[in-house]
Amino acid sequence: LGSWLERLPGGLDSELGERGQRVSGGERQRIGLARALLARRPVLLLD
């Protein structure tokens, strides 16, 4: 999502909207995945 982030008008400060309505299904899923990777926990559970 690097290029997608560059296109966002506010970058990391861009609002994603109620229930993430401003992102697609694939973008939503990868945001959740990025969150899991960022947590740095010993077990990674991806559904």
PDB file of all heavy atoms in Angstrom:
ATOM      1  N   LEU A   1       0.819  -1.218   0.000  1.00  0.00           N
ATOM      2  CA  LEU A   1       0.000   0.000   0.000  1.00  0.00           C
ATOM      3  C   LEU A   1       0.849   1.263   0.000  1.00  0.00           C
ATOM      4  O   LEU A   1       0.356   2.341   0.312  1.00  0.00           O
ATOM      5  CB  LEU A   1      -0.936   0.012   1.219  1.00  0.00           C
ATOM      6  CG  LEU A   1      -2.065  -1.015   1.226  1.00  0.00           C
ATOM      7  CD1 LEU A   1      -2.877  -0.908   2.514  1.00  0.00           C
ATOM      8  CD2 LEU A   1      -2.980  -0.852   0.025  1.00  0.00           C
ATOM      9  N   GLY A   2       2.124   1.133  -0.370  1.00  0.00           N
ATOM     10  CA  GLY A   2       3.002   2.298  -0.373  1.00  0.00           C
ATOM     11  C   GLY A   2       2.552   3.369  -1.338  1.00  0.00           C
ATOM     12  O   GLY A   2       2.453   4.555  -0.994  1.00  0.00           O
ATOM     13  N   SER A   3       2.246   2.987  -2.586  1.00  0.00           N
ATOM     14  CA  SER A   3       1.799   3.970  -3.581  1.00  0.00           C
ATOM     15  C   SER A   3       0.428   4.531  -3.217  1.00  0.00           C
ATOM     16  O   SER A   3       0.143   5.705  -3.467  1.00  0.00           O
ATOM     17  CB  SER A   3       1.760   3.325  -4.966  1.00  0.00           C
ATOM     18  OG  SER A   3       0.895   2.200  -4.974  1.00  0.00           O
ATOM     19  N   TRP A   4      -0.414   3.698  -2.629  1.00  0.00           N
ATOM     20  CA  TRP A   4      -1.734   4.172  -2.179  1.00  0.00           C
ATOM     21  C   TRP A   4      -1.571   5.237  -1.106  1.00  0.00           C
ATOM     22  O   TRP A   4      -2.266   6.258  -1.115  1.00  0.00           O
ATOM     23  CB  TRP A   4      -2.531   2.983  -1.653  1.00  0.00           C
ATOM     24  CG  TRP A   4      -3.800   3.338  -0.943  1.00  0.00           C
ATOM     25  CD1 TRP A   4      -4.981   3.721  -1.497  1.00  0.00           C
ATOM     26  CD2 TRP A   4      -4.019   3.337   0.479  1.00  0.00           C
ATOM     27  NE1 TRP A   4      -5.928   3.959  -0.523  1.00  0.00           N
ATOM     28  CE2 TRP A   4      -5.359   3.727   0.694  1.00  0.00           C
ATOM     29  CE3 TRP A   4      -3.220   3.026   1.572  1.00  0.00           C
ATOM     30  CZ2 TRP A   4      -5.913   3.821   1.971  1.00  0.00           C
ATOM     31  CZ3 TRP A   4      -3.765   3.129   2.852  1.00  0.00           C
ATOM     32  CH2 TRP A   4      -5.092   3.523   3.032  1.00  0.00           C
ATOM     33  N   LEU A   5      -0.646   5.025  -0.176  1.00  0.00           N
ATOM     34  CA  LEU A   5      -0.400   6.002   0.872  1.00  0.00           C
ATOM     35  C   LEU A   5       0.084   7.325   0.292  1.00  0.00           C
ATOM     36  O   LEU A   5      -0.325   8.398   0.742  1.00  0.00           O
ATOM     37  CB  LEU A   5       0.629   5.447   1.865  1.00  0.00           C
ATOM     38  CG  LEU A   5       1.088   6.392   2.978  1.00  0.00           C
ATOM     39  CD1 LEU A   5      -0.098   6.832   3.837  1.00  0.00           C
ATOM     40  CD2 LEU A   5       2.154   5.728   3.842  1.00  0.00           C
ATOM     41  N   GLU A   6       0.931   7.262  -0.730  1.00  0.00           N
ATOM     42  CA  GLU A   6       1.445   8.486  -1.351  1.00  0.00           C
ATOM     43  C   GLU A   6       0.331   9.291  -2.017  1.00  0.00           C
ATOM     44  O   GLU A   6       0.402  10.518  -2.101  1.00  0.00           O
ATOM     45  CB  GLU A   6       2.520   8.134  -2.371  1.00  0.00           C
ATOM     46  CG  GLU A   6       3.798   7.566  -1.748  1.00  0.00           C
ATOM     47  CD  GLU A   6       4.790   7.130  -2.804  1.00  0.00           C
ATOM     48  OE1 GLU A   6       4.449   7.255  -4.021  1.00  0.00           O
ATOM     49  OE2 GLU A   6       5.885   6.671  -2.450  1.00  0.00           O
ATOM     50  N   ARG A   7      -0.699   8.610  -2.473  1.00  0.00           N
ATOM     51  CA  ARG A   7      -1.808   9.303  -3.154  1.00  0.00           C
ATOM     52  C   ARG A   7      -2.815   9.896  -2.179  1.00  0.00           C
ATOM     53  O   ARG A   7      -3.636  10.726  -2.572  1.00  0.00           O
ATOM     54  CB  ARG A   7      -2.533   8.342  -4.105  1.00  0.00           C
ATOM     55  CG  ARG A   7      -1.689   7.890  -5.293  1.00  0.00           C
ATOM     56  CD  ARG A   7      -2.560   7.232  -6.352  1.00  0.00           C
ATOM     57  NE  ARG A   7      -3.272   6.076  -5.835  1.00  0.00           N
ATOM     58  CZ  ARG A   7      -2.814   4.827  -5.850  1.00  0.00           C
ATOM     59  NH1 ARG A   7      -1.598   4.589  -6.357  1.00  0.00           N
ATOM     60  NH2 ARG A   7      -3.518   3.825  -5.375  1.00  0.00           N
ATOM     61  N   LEU A   8      -2.784   9.460  -0.939  1.00  0.00           N
ATOM     62  CA  LEU A   8      -3.732  10.010   0.037  1.00  0.00           C
ATOM     63  C   LEU A   8      -3.421  11.478   0.289  1.00  0.00           C
ATOM     64  O   LEU A   8      -2.264  11.842   0.528  1.00  0.00           O
ATOM     65  CB  LEU A   8      -3.645   9.236   1.355  1.00  0.00           C
ATOM     66  CG  LEU A   8      -4.180   7.803   1.362  1.00  0.00           C
ATOM     67  CD1 LEU A   8      -3.983   7.172   2.734  1.00  0.00           C
ATOM     68  CD2 LEU A   8      -5.644   7.770   0.964  1.00  0.00           C
ATOM     69  N   PRO A   9      -4.425  12.357   0.256  1.00  0.00           N
ATOM     70  CA  PRO A   9      -4.163  13.802   0.411  1.00  0.00           C
ATOM     71  C   PRO A   9      -3.535  14.158   1.746  1.00  0.00           C
ATOM     72  O   PRO A   9      -2.715  15.064   1.832  1.00  0.00           O
ATOM     73  CB  PRO A   9      -5.557  14.428   0.267  1.00  0.00           C
ATOM     74  CG  PRO A   9      -6.523  13.314   0.522  1.00  0.00           C
ATOM     75  CD  PRO A   9      -5.849  12.062   0.047  1.00  0.00           C
ATOM     76  N   GLY A  10      -3.892  13.425   2.798  1.00  0.00           N
ATOM     77  CA  GLY A  10      -3.345  13.737   4.112  1.00  0.00           C
ATOM     78  C   GLY A  10      -2.299  12.754   4.588  1.00  0.00           C
ATOM     79  O   GLY A  10      -1.868  12.831   5.748  1.00  0.00           O
ATOM     80  N   GLY A  11      -1.888  11.821   3.734  1.00  0.00           N
ATOM     81  CA  GLY A  11      -0.904  10.831   4.145  1.00  0.00           C
ATOM     82  C   GLY A  11      -1.421  10.008   5.313  1.00  0.00           C
ATOM     83  O   GLY A  11      -2.576   9.555   5.319  1.00  0.00           O
ATOM     84  N   LEU A  12      -0.596   9.820   6.313  1.00  0.00           N
ATOM     85  CA  LEU A  12      -0.974   9.041   7.489  1.00  0.00           C
ATOM     86  C   LEU A  12      -2.110   9.696   8.269  1.00  0.00           C
ATOM     87  O   LEU A  12      -2.809   9.023   9.038  1.00  0.00           O
ATOM     88  CB  LEU A  12       0.233   8.843   8.409  1.00  0.00           C
ATOM     89  CG  LEU A  12       1.344   7.929   7.890  1.00  0.00           C
ATOM     90  CD1 LEU A  12       2.556   7.999   8.806  1.00  0.00           C
ATOM     91  CD2 LEU A  12       0.848   6.490   7.771  1.00  0.00           C
ATOM     92  N   ASP A  13      -2.306  11.006   8.087  1.00  0.00           N
ATOM     93  CA  ASP A  13      -3.359  11.723   8.809  1.00  0.00           C
ATOM     94  C   ASP A  13      -4.685  11.747   8.048  1.00  0.00           C
ATOM     95  O   ASP A  13      -5.615  12.456   8.444  1.00  0.00           O
ATOM     96  CB  ASP A  13      -2.913  13.160   9.093  1.00  0.00           C
ATOM     97  CG  ASP A  13      -1.738  13.213  10.059  1.00  0.00           C
ATOM     98  OD1 ASP A  13      -1.686  12.357  10.954  1.00  0.00           O
ATOM     99  OD2 ASP A  13      -0.859  14.089   9.897  1.00  0.00           O
ATOM    100  N   SER A  14      -4.777  10.976   6.974  1.00  0.00           N
ATOM    101  CA  SER A  14      -6.020  10.925   6.205  1.00  0.00           C
ATOM    102  C   SER A  14      -7.103  10.185   6.987  1.00  0.00           C
ATOM    103  O   SER A  14      -6.858   9.125   7.568  1.00  0.00           O
ATOM    104  CB  SER A  14      -5.789  10.202   4.868  1.00  0.00           C
ATOM    105  OG  SER A  14      -4.863  10.902   4.077  1.00  0.00           O
ATOM    106  N   GLU A  15      -8.300  10.748   6.994  1.00  0.00           N
ATOM    107  CA  GLU A  15      -9.431  10.118   7.665  1.00  0.00           C
ATOM    108  C   GLU A  15      -9.968   8.984   6.795  1.00  0.00           C
ATOM    109  O   GLU A  15     -10.142   9.150   5.583  1.00  0.00           O
ATOM    110  CB  GLU A  15     -10.533  11.142   7.926  1.00  0.00           C
ATOM    111  CG  GLU A  15     -10.139  12.263   8.879  1.00  0.00           C
ATOM    112  CD  GLU A  15     -10.185  11.821  10.333  1.00  0.00           C
ATOM    113  OE1 GLU A  15     -10.819  10.776  10.614  1.00  0.00           O
ATOM    114  OE2 GLU A  15      -9.600  12.520  11.171  1.00  0.00           O
ATOM    115  N   LEU A  16     -10.250   7.826   7.413  1.00  0.00           N
ATOM    116  CA  LEU A  16     -10.708   6.655   6.663  1.00  0.00           C
ATOM    117  C   LEU A  16     -12.226   6.538   6.613  1.00  0.00           C
ATOM    118  O   LEU A  16     -12.750   5.675   5.922  1.00  0.00           O
ATOM    119  CB  LEU A  16     -10.112   5.376   7.262  1.00  0.00           C
ATOM    120  CG  LEU A  16      -8.580   5.326   7.282  1.00  0.00           C
ATOM    121  CD1 LEU A  16      -8.111   3.967   7.771  1.00  0.00           C
ATOM    122  CD2 LEU A  16      -8.003   5.631   5.912  1.00  0.00           C
ATOM    123  N   GLY A  17     -12.927   7.397   7.346  1.00  0.00           N
ATOM    124  CA  GLY A  17     -14.385   7.395   7.291  1.00  0.00           C
ATOM    125  C   GLY A  17     -15.004   6.376   8.235  1.00  0.00           C
ATOM    126  O   GLY A  17     -14.337   5.488   8.764  1.00  0.00           O
ATOM    127  N   GLU A  18     -16.313   6.536   8.440  1.00  0.00           N
ATOM    128  CA  GLU A  18     -17.051   5.626   9.309  1.00  0.00           C
ATOM    129  C   GLU A  18     -16.956   4.210   8.781  1.00  0.00           C
ATOM    130  O   GLU A  18     -17.280   3.929   7.633  1.00  0.00           O
ATOM    131  CB  GLU A  18     -18.524   6.059   9.374  1.00  0.00           C
ATOM    132  CG  GLU A  18     -19.354   5.294  10.384  1.00  0.00           C
ATOM    133  CD  GLU A  18     -19.035   5.699  11.802  1.00  0.00           C
ATOM    134  OE1 GLU A  18     -18.586   6.837  12.012  1.00  0.00           O
ATOM    135  OE2 GLU A  18     -19.253   4.862  12.707  1.00  0.00           O
ATOM    136  N   ARG A  19     -16.465   3.302   9.621  1.00  0.00           N
ATOM    137  CA  ARG A  19     -16.262   1.894   9.273  1.00  0.00           C
ATOM    138  C   ARG A  19     -15.371   1.732   8.044  1.00  0.00           C
ATOM    139  O   ARG A  19     -15.499   0.777   7.281  1.00  0.00           O
ATOM    140  CB  ARG A  19     -17.601   1.187   9.052  1.00  0.00           C
ATOM    141  CG  ARG A  19     -18.483   1.167  10.298  1.00  0.00           C
ATOM    142  CD  ARG A  19     -19.747   0.382  10.084  1.00  0.00           C
ATOM    143  NE  ARG A  19     -20.578   0.369  11.284  1.00  0.00           N
ATOM    144  CZ  ARG A  19     -21.751  -0.245  11.376  1.00  0.00           C
ATOM    145  NH1 ARG A  19     -22.228  -0.913  10.328  1.00  0.00           N
ATOM    146  NH2 ARG A  19     -22.445  -0.209  12.492  1.00  0.00           N
ATOM    147  N   GLY A  20     -14.478   2.674   7.838  1.00  0.00           N
ATOM    148  CA  GLY A  20     -13.539   2.567   6.729  1.00  0.00           C
ATOM    149  C   GLY A  20     -14.189   2.675   5.369  1.00  0.00           C
ATOM    150  O   GLY A  20     -13.743   2.043   4.402  1.00  0.00           O
ATOM    151  N   GLN A  21     -15.239   3.516   5.245  1.00  0.00           N
ATOM    152  CA  GLN A  21     -15.979   3.589   3.992  1.00  0.00           C
ATOM    153  C   GLN A  21     -15.167   4.224   2.858  1.00  0.00           C
ATOM    154  O   GLN A  21     -15.548   4.122   1.699  1.00  0.00           O
ATOM    155  CB  GLN A  21     -17.270   4.367   4.196  1.00  0.00           C
ATOM    156  CG  GLN A  21     -17.057   5.823   4.606  1.00  0.00           C
ATOM    157  CD  GLN A  21     -18.368   6.564   4.842  1.00  0.00           C
ATOM    158  OE1 GLN A  21     -19.426   5.983   4.677  1.00  0.00           O
ATOM    159  NE2 GLN A  21     -18.288   7.823   5.228  1.00  0.00           N
ATOM    160  N   ARG A  22     -14.035   4.857   3.195  1.00  0.00           N
ATOM    161  CA  ARG A  22     -13.231   5.499   2.156  1.00  0.00           C
ATOM    162  C   ARG A  22     -12.118   4.598   1.636  1.00  0.00           C
ATOM    163  O   ARG A  22     -11.251   5.063   0.886  1.00  0.00           O
ATOM    164  CB  ARG A  22     -12.621   6.796   2.701  1.00  0.00           C
ATOM    165  CG  ARG A  22     -13.668   7.836   3.072  1.00  0.00           C
ATOM    166  CD  ARG A  22     -13.048   9.090   3.662  1.00  0.00           C
ATOM    167  NE  ARG A  22     -14.077  10.015   4.126  1.00  0.00           N
ATOM    168  CZ  ARG A  22     -13.837  11.115   4.815  1.00  0.00           C
ATOM    169  NH1 ARG A  22     -12.585  11.439   5.124  1.00  0.00           N
ATOM    170  NH2 ARG A  22     -14.817  11.897   5.209  1.00  0.00           N
ATOM    171  N   VAL A  23     -12.121   3.343   2.029  1.00  0.00           N
ATOM    172  CA  VAL A  23     -11.117   2.403   1.531  1.00  0.00           C
ATOM    173  C   VAL A  23     -11.833   1.197   0.928  1.00  0.00           C
ATOM    174  O   VAL A  23     -12.968   0.881   1.276  1.00  0.00           O
ATOM    175  CB  VAL A  23     -10.155   1.944   2.646  1.00  0.00           C
ATOM    176  CG1 VAL A  23      -9.381   3.121   3.209  1.00  0.00           C
ATOM    177  CG2 VAL A  23     -10.900   1.231   3.765  1.00  0.00           C
ATOM    178  N   SER A  24     -11.156   0.528   0.003  1.00  0.00           N
ATOM    179  CA  SER A  24     -11.741  -0.655  -0.634  1.00  0.00           C
ATOM    180  C   SER A  24     -11.589  -1.875   0.271  1.00  0.00           C
ATOM    181  O   SER A  24     -10.912  -1.828   1.311  1.00  0.00           O
ATOM    182  CB  SER A  24     -11.042  -0.916  -1.967  1.00  0.00           C
ATOM    183  OG  SER A  24      -9.690  -1.335  -1.748  1.00  0.00           O
ATOM    184  N   GLY A  25     -12.208  -2.993  -0.147  1.00  0.00           N
ATOM    185  CA  GLY A  25     -12.107  -4.214   0.642  1.00  0.00           C
ATOM    186  C   GLY A  25     -10.675  -4.706   0.761  1.00  0.00           C
ATOM    187  O   GLY A  25     -10.236  -5.121   1.836  1.00  0.00           O
ATOM    188  N   GLY A  26      -9.928  -4.652  -0.351  1.00  0.00           N
ATOM    189  CA  GLY A  26      -8.536  -5.084  -0.316  1.00  0.00           C
ATOM    190  C   GLY A  26      -7.676  -4.177   0.540  1.00  0.00           C
ATOM    191  O   GLY A  26      -6.782  -4.645   1.265  1.00  0.00           O
ATOM    192  N   GLU A  27      -7.928  -2.868   0.475  1.00  0.00           N
ATOM    193  CA  GLU A  27      -7.166  -1.924   1.301  1.00  0.00           C
ATOM    194  C   GLU A  27      -7.485  -2.120   2.777  1.00  0.00           C
ATOM    195  O   GLU A  27      -6.585  -2.097   3.629  1.00  0.00           O
ATOM    196  CB  GLU A  27      -7.480  -0.496   0.860  1.00  0.00           C
ATOM    197  CG  GLU A  27      -6.917  -0.148  -0.506  1.00  0.00           C
ATOM    198  CD  GLU A  27      -7.601   1.057  -1.139  1.00  0.00           C
ATOM    199  OE1 GLU A  27      -8.580   1.578  -0.545  1.00  0.00           O
ATOM    200  OE2 GLU A  27      -7.176   1.477  -2.223  1.00  0.00           O
ATOM    201  N   ARG A  28      -8.753  -2.327   3.080  1.00  0.00           N
ATOM    202  CA  ARG A  28      -9.159  -2.579   4.470  1.00  0.00           C
ATOM    203  C   ARG A  28      -8.449  -3.819   5.007  1.00  0.00           C
ATOM    204  O   ARG A  28      -7.931  -3.824   6.130  1.00  0.00           O
ATOM    205  CB  ARG A  28     -10.673  -2.770   4.534  1.00  0.00           C
ATOM    206  CG  ARG A  28     -11.177  -3.185   5.921  1.00  0.00           C
ATOM    207  CD  ARG A  28     -12.548  -3.833   5.797  1.00  0.00           C
ATOM    208  NE  ARG A  28     -13.525  -2.912   5.253  1.00  0.00           N
ATOM    209  CZ  ARG A  28     -14.288  -2.119   5.998  1.00  0.00           C
ATOM    210  NH1 ARG A  28     -14.172  -2.160   7.316  1.00  0.00           N
ATOM    211  NH2 ARG A  28     -15.162  -1.324   5.447  1.00  0.00           N
ATOM    212  N   GLN A  29      -8.431  -4.875   4.195  1.00  0.00           N
ATOM    213  CA  GLN A  29      -7.819  -6.116   4.643  1.00  0.00           C
ATOM    214  C   GLN A  29      -6.325  -5.948   4.901  1.00  0.00           C
ATOM    215  O   GLN A  29      -5.778  -6.448   5.889  1.00  0.00           O
ATOM    216  CB  GLN A  29      -8.049  -7.211   3.597  1.00  0.00           C
ATOM    217  CG  GLN A  29      -7.817  -8.619   4.110  1.00  0.00           C
ATOM    218  CD  GLN A  29      -8.389  -9.642   3.164  1.00  0.00           C
ATOM    219  OE1 GLN A  29      -8.308  -9.491   1.943  1.00  0.00           O
ATOM    220  NE2 GLN A  29      -8.966 -10.700   3.699  1.00  0.00           N
ATOM    221  N   ARG A  30      -5.668  -5.188   4.030  1.00  0.00           N
ATOM    222  CA  ARG A  30      -4.227  -4.999   4.214  1.00  0.00           C
ATOM    223  C   ARG A  30      -3.911  -4.040   5.363  1.00  0.00           C
ATOM    224  O   ARG A  30      -2.851  -4.144   5.991  1.00  0.00           O
ATOM    225  CB  ARG A  30      -3.599  -4.529   2.903  1.00  0.00           C
ATOM    226  CG  ARG A  30      -3.396  -5.683   1.917  1.00  0.00           C
ATOM    227  CD  ARG A  30      -2.748  -5.253   0.631  1.00  0.00           C
ATOM    228  NE  ARG A  30      -3.707  -4.616  -0.250  1.00  0.00           N
ATOM    229  CZ  ARG A  30      -3.405  -4.157  -1.467  1.00  0.00           C
ATOM    230  NH1 ARG A  30      -2.157  -4.260  -1.917  1.00  0.00           N
ATOM    231  NH2 ARG A  30      -4.323  -3.610  -2.227  1.00  0.00           N
ATOM    232  N   ILE A  31      -4.823  -3.117   5.662  1.00  0.00           N
ATOM    233  CA  ILE A  31      -4.643  -2.278   6.854  1.00  0.00           C
ATOM    234  C   ILE A  31      -4.692  -3.157   8.104  1.00  0.00           C
ATOM    235  O   ILE A  31      -3.879  -2.999   9.029  1.00  0.00           O
ATOM    236  CB  ILE A  31      -5.720  -1.180   6.905  1.00  0.00           C
ATOM    237  CG1 ILE A  31      -5.457  -0.132   5.808  1.00  0.00           C
ATOM    238  CG2 ILE A  31      -5.747  -0.502   8.278  1.00  0.00           C
ATOM    239  CD1 ILE A  31      -6.580   0.861   5.627  1.00  0.00           C
ATOM    240  N   GLY A  32      -5.639  -4.093   8.137  1.00  0.00           N
ATOM    241  CA  GLY A  32      -5.704  -5.023   9.260  1.00  0.00           C
ATOM    242  C   GLY A  32      -4.463  -5.886   9.361  1.00  0.00           C
ATOM    243  O   GLY A  32      -3.965  -6.163  10.457  1.00  0.00           O
ATOM    244  N   LEU A  33      -3.951  -6.312   8.218  1.00  0.00           N
ATOM    245  CA  LEU A  33      -2.738  -7.120   8.199  1.00  0.00           C
ATOM    246  C   LEU A  33      -1.533  -6.312   8.667  1.00  0.00           C
ATOM    247  O   LEU A  33      -0.702  -6.800   9.454  1.00  0.00           O
ATOM    248  CB  LEU A  33      -2.505  -7.652   6.775  1.00  0.00           C
ATOM    249  CG  LEU A  33      -1.263  -8.500   6.546  1.00  0.00           C
ATOM    250  CD1 LEU A  33      -1.252  -9.709   7.461  1.00  0.00           C
ATOM    251  CD2 LEU A  33      -1.190  -8.927   5.083  1.00  0.00           C
ATOM    252  N   ALA A  34      -1.430  -5.062   8.210  1.00  0.00           N
ATOM    253  CA  ALA A  34      -0.335  -4.188   8.647  1.00  0.00           C
ATOM    254  C   ALA A  34      -0.398  -3.973  10.153  1.00  0.00           C
ATOM    255  O   ALA A  34       0.633  -3.939  10.837  1.00  0.00           O
ATOM    256  CB  ALA A  34      -0.421  -2.851   7.914  1.00  0.00           C
ATOM    257  N   ARG A  35      -1.595  -3.855  10.687  1.00  0.00           N
ATOM    258  CA  ARG A  35      -1.762  -3.684  12.127  1.00  0.00           C
ATOM    259  C   ARG A  35      -1.243  -4.906  12.881  1.00  0.00           C
ATOM    260  O   ARG A  35      -0.577  -4.779  13.913  1.00  0.00           O
ATOM    261  CB  ARG A  35      -3.245  -3.444  12.426  1.00  0.00           C
ATOM    262  CG  ARG A  35      -3.551  -2.873  13.776  1.00  0.00           C
ATOM    263  CD  ARG A  35      -4.893  -2.176  13.785  1.00  0.00           C
ATOM    264  NE  ARG A  35      -5.986  -2.973  13.266  1.00  0.00           N
ATOM    265  CZ  ARG A  35      -7.158  -2.463  12.877  1.00  0.00           C
ATOM    266  NH1 ARG A  35      -7.369  -1.166  12.931  1.00  0.00           N
ATOM    267  NH2 ARG A  35      -8.107  -3.241  12.427  1.00  0.00           N
ATOM    268  N   ALA A  36      -1.536  -6.102  12.355  1.00  0.00           N
ATOM    269  CA  ALA A  36      -1.070  -7.329  13.001  1.00  0.00           C
ATOM    270  C   ALA A  36       0.452  -7.432  12.954  1.00  0.00           C
ATOM    271  O   ALA A  36       1.095  -7.834  13.929  1.00  0.00           O
ATOM    272  CB  ALA A  36      -1.713  -8.541  12.333  1.00  0.00           C
ATOM    273  N   LEU A  37       1.048  -7.062  11.815  1.00  0.00           N
ATOM    274  CA  LEU A  37       2.505  -7.113  11.693  1.00  0.00           C
ATOM    275  C   LEU A  37       3.166  -6.105  12.624  1.00  0.00           C
ATOM    276  O   LEU A  37       4.219  -6.365  13.208  1.00  0.00           O
ATOM    277  CB  LEU A  37       2.919  -6.848  10.246  1.00  0.00           C
ATOM    278  CG  LEU A  37       2.519  -7.907   9.209  1.00  0.00           C
ATOM    279  CD1 LEU A  37       2.865  -7.428   7.811  1.00  0.00           C
ATOM    280  CD2 LEU A  37       3.195  -9.230   9.502  1.00  0.00           C
ATOM    281  N   LEU A  38       2.527  -4.945  12.760  1.00  0.00           N
ATOM    282  CA  LEU A  38       3.087  -3.884  13.593  1.00  0.00           C
ATOM    283  C   LEU A  38       3.100  -4.268  15.069  1.00  0.00           C
ATOM    284  O   LEU A  38       3.938  -3.784  15.841  1.00  0.00           O
ATOM    285  CB  LEU A  38       2.282  -2.602  13.390  1.00  0.00           C
ATOM    286  CG  LEU A  38       2.814  -1.307  13.994  1.00  0.00           C
ATOM    287  CD1 LEU A  38       4.108  -0.889  13.308  1.00  0.00           C
ATOM    288  CD2 LEU A  38       1.762  -0.201  13.850  1.00  0.00           C
ATOM    289  N   ALA A  39       2.205  -5.158  15.476  1.00  0.00           N
ATOM    290  CA  ALA A  39       2.074  -5.509  16.893  1.00  0.00           C
ATOM    291  C   ALA A  39       3.305  -6.241  17.430  1.00  0.00           C
ATOM    292  O   ALA A  39       3.577  -6.204  18.633  1.00  0.00           O
ATOM    293  CB  ALA A  39       0.832  -6.357  17.105  1.00  0.00           C
ATOM    294  N   ARG A  40       4.014  -6.940  16.546  1.00  0.00           N
ATOM    295  CA  ARG A  40       5.237  -7.658  16.942  1.00  0.00           C
ATOM    296  C   ARG A  40       4.978  -8.652  18.074  1.00  0.00           C
ATOM    297  O   ARG A  40       5.758  -8.751  19.029  1.00  0.00           O
ATOM    298  CB  ARG A  40       6.339  -6.677  17.360  1.00  0.00           C
ATOM    299  CG  ARG A  40       6.839  -5.808  16.223  1.00  0.00           C
ATOM    300  CD  ARG A  40       7.925  -4.877  16.705  1.00  0.00           C
ATOM    301  NE  ARG A  40       8.426  -4.024  15.631  1.00  0.00           N
ATOM    302  CZ  ARG A  40       9.304  -3.034  15.810  1.00  0.00           C
ATOM    303  NH1 ARG A  40       9.764  -2.792  17.025  1.00  0.00           N
ATOM    304  NH2 ARG A  40       9.710  -2.303  14.800  1.00  0.00           N
ATOM    305  N   ARG A  41       3.916  -9.397  17.978  1.00  0.00           N
ATOM    306  CA  ARG A  41       3.618 -10.406  18.990  1.00  0.00           C
ATOM    307  C   ARG A  41       4.160 -11.763  18.549  1.00  0.00           C
ATOM    308  O   ARG A  41       4.353 -12.002  17.357  1.00  0.00           O
ATOM    309  CB  ARG A  41       2.110 -10.463  19.244  1.00  0.00           C
ATOM    310  CG  ARG A  41       1.617  -9.176  19.902  1.00  0.00           C
ATOM    311  CD  ARG A  41       0.159  -9.222  20.233  1.00  0.00           C
ATOM    312  NE  ARG A  41      -0.259  -7.997  20.924  1.00  0.00           N
ATOM    313  CZ  ARG A  41      -1.503  -7.750  21.313  1.00  0.00           C
ATOM    314  NH1 ARG A  41      -2.459  -8.633  21.074  1.00  0.00           N
ATOM    315  NH2 ARG A  41      -1.794  -6.630  21.938  1.00  0.00           N
ATOM    316  N   PRO A  42       4.391 -12.675  19.489  1.00  0.00           N
ATOM    317  CA  PRO A  42       5.060 -13.931  19.140  1.00  0.00           C
ATOM    318  C   PRO A  42       4.253 -14.884  18.275  1.00  0.00           C
ATOM    319  O   PRO A  42       4.815 -15.795  17.673  1.00  0.00           O
ATOM    320  CB  PRO A  42       5.364 -14.554  20.511  1.00  0.00           C
ATOM    321  CG  PRO A  42       4.448 -13.877  21.473  1.00  0.00           C
ATOM    322  CD  PRO A  42       4.230 -12.505  20.939  1.00  0.00           C
ATOM    323  N   VAL A  43       2.929 -14.691  18.218  1.00  0.00           N
ATOM    324  CA  VAL A  43       2.083 -15.540  17.374  1.00  0.00           C
ATOM    325  C   VAL A  43       1.311 -14.637  16.415  1.00  0.00           C
ATOM    326  O   VAL A  43       0.676 -13.673  16.841  1.00  0.00           O
ATOM    327  CB  VAL A  43       1.105 -16.388  18.211  1.00  0.00           C
ATOM    328  CG1 VAL A  43       0.230 -17.247  17.299  1.00  0.00           C
ATOM    329  CG2 VAL A  43       1.857 -17.260  19.207  1.00  0.00           C
ATOM    330  N   LEU A  44       1.375 -14.968  15.136  1.00  0.00           N
ATOM    331  CA  LEU A  44       0.697 -14.195  14.094  1.00  0.00           C
ATOM    332  C   LEU A  44      -0.423 -15.051  13.526  1.00  0.00           C
ATOM    333  O   LEU A  44      -0.170 -16.105  12.930  1.00  0.00           O
ATOM    334  CB  LEU A  44       1.694 -13.811  13.006  1.00  0.00           C
ATOM    335  CG  LEU A  44       1.344 -12.691  12.035  1.00  0.00           C
ATOM    336  CD1 LEU A  44       0.982 -11.411  12.768  1.00  0.00           C
ATOM    337  CD2 LEU A  44       2.508 -12.458  11.078  1.00  0.00           C
ATOM    338  N   LEU A  45      -1.667 -14.616  13.728  1.00  0.00           N
ATOM    339  CA  LEU A  45      -2.849 -15.384  13.339  1.00  0.00           C
ATOM    340  C   LEU A  45      -3.600 -14.596  12.269  1.00  0.00           C
ATOM    341  O   LEU A  45      -4.189 -13.553  12.556  1.00  0.00           O
ATOM    342  CB  LEU A  45      -3.725 -15.622  14.569  1.00  0.00           C
ATOM    343  CG  LEU A  45      -5.024 -16.405  14.400  1.00  0.00           C
ATOM    344  CD1 LEU A  45      -4.762 -17.786  13.825  1.00  0.00           C
ATOM    345  CD2 LEU A  45      -5.748 -16.507  15.736  1.00  0.00           C
ATOM    346  N   LEU A  46      -3.585 -15.100  11.041  1.00  0.00           N
ATOM    347  CA  LEU A  46      -4.152 -14.372   9.901  1.00  0.00           C
ATOM    348  C   LEU A  46      -5.275 -15.188   9.273  1.00  0.00           C
ATOM    349  O   LEU A  46      -5.056 -16.309   8.797  1.00  0.00           O
ATOM    350  CB  LEU A  46      -3.059 -14.092   8.862  1.00  0.00           C
ATOM    351  CG  LEU A  46      -1.750 -13.489   9.387  1.00  0.00           C
ATOM    352  CD1 LEU A  46      -0.767 -13.285   8.241  1.00  0.00           C
ATOM    353  CD2 LEU A  46      -2.008 -12.184  10.112  1.00  0.00           C
ATOM    354  N   ASP A  47      -6.471 -14.612   9.253  1.00  0.00           N
ATOM    355  CA  ASP A  47      -7.645 -15.298   8.711  1.00  0.00           C
ATOM    356  C   ASP A  47      -7.956 -14.757   7.319  1.00  0.00           C
ATOM    357  O   ASP A  47      -8.374 -13.614   7.166  1.00  0.00           O
ATOM    358  CB  ASP A  47      -8.837 -15.083   9.650  1.00  0.00           C
ATOM    359  CG  ASP A  47     -10.019 -15.981   9.305  1.00  0.00           C
ATOM    360  OD1 ASP A  47      -9.936 -16.712   8.293  1.00  0.00           O
ATOM    361  OD2 ASP A  47     -11.018 -15.959  10.035  1.00  0.00           O
TER     362      ASP A  47
END
